[in-house]
Amino acid sequence: MSWSKLKQQLESFLSPALQGKVEYRATGYRYLPDKAGICYIMVDKKNILNMSDATTLIKWYQSEQEIKNDPGIDIPISPEQIKAVRMNMGDKIPEDRLIVIARSREISELAKELLAAQSSLSKSDFMAAAAKFLSSPIEESIESKDMLLNILALMDRRVGKKRILNMSEKIKLKHPAVQYFFELRLGTF
């Protein structure tokens, strides 16, 4: 889905009190493929939540290298993981190399989770979350662990005052960005 169509659909779901106040923005460079662009959410013309592709891969690689080089981190590999690697790679690879490959894949996944927990988001993360938000029920987005889905749900017109007020205890356990948009929505009542 193109950015303009996605933006139009997201803004059509904004609460009436937030229309004109909250904007979704994205930049991209058509003729410069190494410049991925940024995506951000603006409130009152101020950039509140910035998602940039430029540094995400570098941070992911750095996290992965830190995990690999930390002697205190021991990542156990299950026989199922080794079996999955064997199925993907074939039977010609020695057993000890299969373990290394499985451990490397596990470290890569751990680095991705760590980066997501640190909320280093990219434009592609926002696009995927927005597409999921538009195609799933609002309850899923509210209960999700994904902070972008939570933010989009909090600004949605389908979420009323009563539901917002009932969420106040759960929001205290969420990311500070989610708490910010919760307070923004509370201010509209």
Protein backbone atom coordinates (compact mmCIF):
# COMPACT_ATOMS: atom_id res chain seq x y z
CA MET A 1 0.00 0.00 0.00
CA SER A 2 1.34 3.43 -0.86
CA TRP A 3 2.20 5.87 1.91
CA SER A 4 -0.43 8.42 0.87
CA LYS A 5 -3.22 5.84 0.97
CA LEU A 6 -2.01 4.44 4.31
CA LYS A 7 -1.80 7.95 5.79
CA GLN A 8 -5.30 8.77 4.54
CA GLN A 9 -6.76 5.63 6.11
CA LEU A 10 -4.93 6.18 9.43
CA GLU A 11 -6.08 9.78 9.64
CA SER A 12 -9.66 8.75 8.89
CA PHE A 13 -9.60 6.69 12.11
CA LEU A 14 -8.34 9.57 14.26
CA SER A 15 -10.56 10.74 17.07
CA PRO A 16 -12.40 13.94 16.06
CA ALA A 17 -10.67 15.83 18.88
CA LEU A 18 -7.24 14.84 17.49
CA GLN A 19 -7.89 15.61 13.82
CA GLY A 20 -5.68 18.47 12.75
CA LYS A 21 -3.64 18.05 15.91
CA VAL A 22 -1.98 14.69 15.13
CA GLU A 23 -0.26 14.05 11.81
CA TYR A 24 1.55 11.06 10.33
CA ARG A 25 4.54 11.98 8.20
CA ALA A 26 7.06 10.05 6.13
CA THR A 27 9.89 11.01 3.85
CA GLY A 28 11.54 8.83 1.28
CA TYR A 29 14.12 9.35 -1.39
CA ARG A 30 13.06 7.82 -4.66
CA TYR A 31 16.36 8.19 -6.52
CA LEU A 32 18.67 7.53 -3.57
CA PRO A 33 18.14 3.94 -2.46
CA ASP A 34 20.74 4.22 0.31
CA LYS A 35 18.65 6.97 1.91
CA ALA A 36 15.76 5.04 3.40
CA GLY A 37 13.86 7.97 4.84
CA ILE A 38 12.13 8.60 8.12
CA CYS A 39 8.66 8.28 9.52
CA TYR A 40 7.28 10.25 12.44
CA ILE A 41 4.16 11.21 14.34
CA MET A 42 3.64 14.92 14.92
CA VAL A 43 1.47 16.51 17.59
CA ASP A 44 0.82 20.25 17.24
CA LYS A 45 3.53 20.48 14.55
CA LYS A 46 6.16 18.94 16.89
CA ASN A 47 7.93 15.70 16.09
CA ILE A 48 6.96 13.35 18.95
CA LEU A 49 7.79 9.82 17.79
CA ASN A 50 10.59 9.50 15.23
CA MET A 51 11.22 6.28 13.33
CA SER A 52 14.33 6.33 11.18
CA ASP A 53 15.63 3.54 8.95
CA ALA A 54 19.11 5.02 8.66
CA THR A 55 20.50 3.86 12.00
CA THR A 56 18.32 0.85 12.79
CA LEU A 57 20.44 -1.69 10.96
CA ILE A 58 23.62 -0.35 12.52
CA LYS A 59 22.12 -0.56 16.02
CA TRP A 60 20.83 -4.05 15.31
CA TYR A 61 24.29 -5.17 14.18
CA GLN A 62 25.91 -3.57 17.25
CA SER A 63 23.42 -5.32 19.56
CA GLU A 64 24.08 -8.62 17.80
CA GLN A 65 27.85 -8.20 18.17
CA GLU A 66 27.53 -7.29 21.84
CA ILE A 67 25.49 -10.43 22.49
CA LYS A 68 27.96 -12.60 20.55
CA ASN A 69 30.98 -11.17 22.34
CA ASP A 70 29.55 -11.23 25.87
CA PRO A 71 30.96 -14.32 27.63
CA GLY A 72 28.24 -14.13 30.29
CA ILE A 73 25.45 -14.85 27.83
CA ASP A 74 24.91 -18.54 27.13
CA ILE A 75 22.24 -19.25 24.57
CA PRO A 76 21.01 -22.86 24.74
CA ILE A 77 20.13 -24.50 21.45
CA SER A 78 17.38 -27.11 21.34
CA PRO A 79 17.41 -30.20 19.12
CA GLU A 80 14.38 -28.75 17.28
CA GLN A 81 16.39 -25.68 16.30
CA ILE A 82 19.23 -27.85 15.00
CA LYS A 83 16.73 -29.97 13.09
CA ALA A 84 15.23 -26.83 11.50
CA VAL A 85 18.68 -25.67 10.40
CA ARG A 86 19.45 -29.13 9.00
CA MET A 87 16.21 -29.07 6.98
CA ASN A 88 17.03 -25.62 5.57
CA MET A 89 20.71 -26.26 4.86
CA GLY A 90 20.78 -29.93 3.88
CA ASP A 91 22.50 -32.98 5.33
CA LYS A 92 26.01 -32.10 4.13
CA ILE A 93 26.82 -29.76 7.02
CA PRO A 94 28.62 -31.21 10.08
CA GLU A 95 26.77 -31.31 13.41
CA ASP A 96 29.07 -28.80 15.16
CA ARG A 97 28.53 -26.27 12.36
CA LEU A 98 24.75 -26.72 12.61
CA ILE A 99 24.96 -25.72 16.27
CA VAL A 100 26.93 -22.58 15.36
CA ILE A 101 24.39 -21.63 12.68
CA ALA A 102 21.44 -22.25 15.04
CA ARG A 103 23.11 -20.19 17.78
CA SER A 104 23.82 -17.37 15.32
CA ARG A 105 20.16 -17.31 14.25
CA GLU A 106 19.04 -17.25 17.87
CA ILE A 107 21.43 -14.37 18.64
CA SER A 108 20.08 -12.45 15.65
CA GLU A 109 16.49 -12.90 16.88
CA LEU A 110 17.51 -11.88 20.39
CA ALA A 111 19.14 -8.71 19.00
CA LYS A 112 15.93 -7.88 17.11
CA GLU A 113 13.86 -8.33 20.26
CA LEU A 114 16.30 -6.24 22.28
CA LEU A 115 16.16 -3.47 19.71
CA ALA A 116 12.36 -3.57 19.66
CA ALA A 117 12.32 -3.38 23.47
CA GLN A 118 14.52 -0.30 23.28
CA SER A 119 11.96 1.09 20.81
CA SER A 120 14.38 1.75 18.01
CA LEU A 121 11.74 1.78 15.33
CA SER A 122 12.02 2.12 11.61
CA LYS A 123 9.76 3.35 8.84
CA SER A 124 9.13 -0.23 7.79
CA ASP A 125 8.10 -1.13 11.36
CA PHE A 126 5.55 1.69 11.29
CA MET A 127 4.22 0.65 7.88
CA ALA A 128 3.82 -2.97 9.03
CA ALA A 129 2.15 -1.93 12.31
CA ALA A 130 -0.19 0.45 10.47
CA ALA A 131 -1.21 -2.24 7.99
CA LYS A 132 -1.85 -4.67 10.85
CA PHE A 133 -3.82 -2.01 12.74
CA LEU A 134 -6.04 -1.32 9.74
CA SER A 135 -6.76 -5.00 9.14
CA SER A 136 -7.37 -6.21 12.71
CA PRO A 137 -10.00 -5.50 15.39
CA ILE A 138 -9.32 -2.55 17.69
CA GLU A 139 -9.24 -4.86 20.76
CA GLU A 140 -6.19 -6.67 19.36
CA SER A 141 -4.35 -3.38 18.94
CA ILE A 142 -5.20 -2.25 22.45
CA GLU A 143 -4.06 -5.52 24.05
CA SER A 144 -0.97 -5.90 21.85
CA LYS A 145 2.59 -5.72 23.17
CA ASP A 146 3.57 -3.64 20.14
CA MET A 147 3.81 0.00 21.18
CA LEU A 148 2.92 1.31 17.70
CA LEU A 149 -0.33 -0.66 17.72
CA ASN A 150 -1.07 0.70 21.19
CA ILE A 151 -0.45 4.28 20.05
CA LEU A 152 -2.61 3.94 16.95
CA ALA A 153 -5.40 2.38 19.03
CA LEU A 154 -5.28 5.15 21.64
CA MET A 155 -5.84 7.78 18.95
CA ASP A 156 -8.65 5.83 17.27
CA ARG A 157 -12.19 7.22 17.24
CA ARG A 158 -13.59 3.75 18.04
CA VAL A 159 -12.00 3.91 21.51
CA GLY A 160 -14.31 5.92 23.73
CA LYS A 161 -13.94 7.77 26.99
CA LYS A 162 -15.05 4.86 29.18
CA ARG A 163 -12.56 2.44 27.61
CA ILE A 164 -9.74 5.00 27.85
CA LEU A 165 -10.46 5.61 31.54
CA ASN A 166 -10.54 1.86 32.23
CA MET A 167 -7.09 1.48 30.65
CA SER A 168 -5.28 3.80 33.06
CA GLU A 169 -3.73 1.01 35.18
CA LYS A 170 -2.51 -1.01 32.17
CA ILE A 171 -0.96 2.08 30.58
CA LYS A 172 1.37 2.57 33.56
CA LEU A 173 3.17 -0.62 32.50
CA LYS A 174 3.60 0.48 28.88
CA HIS A 175 6.37 2.35 27.07
CA PRO A 176 6.64 6.11 27.84
CA ALA A 177 5.57 6.96 24.27
CA VAL A 178 2.33 5.01 24.79
CA GLN A 179 1.82 6.86 28.08
CA TYR A 180 2.34 10.19 26.29
CA PHE A 181 -0.37 9.43 23.72
CA PHE A 182 -2.64 8.15 26.49
CA GLU A 183 -2.29 11.50 28.29
CA LEU A 184 -2.86 13.31 24.99
CA ARG A 185 -6.11 11.42 24.47
CA LEU A 186 -7.19 11.98 28.08
CA GLY A 187 -6.72 15.72 27.51
CA THR A 188 -9.38 15.63 24.80
CA PHE A 189 -12.16 14.64 27.21
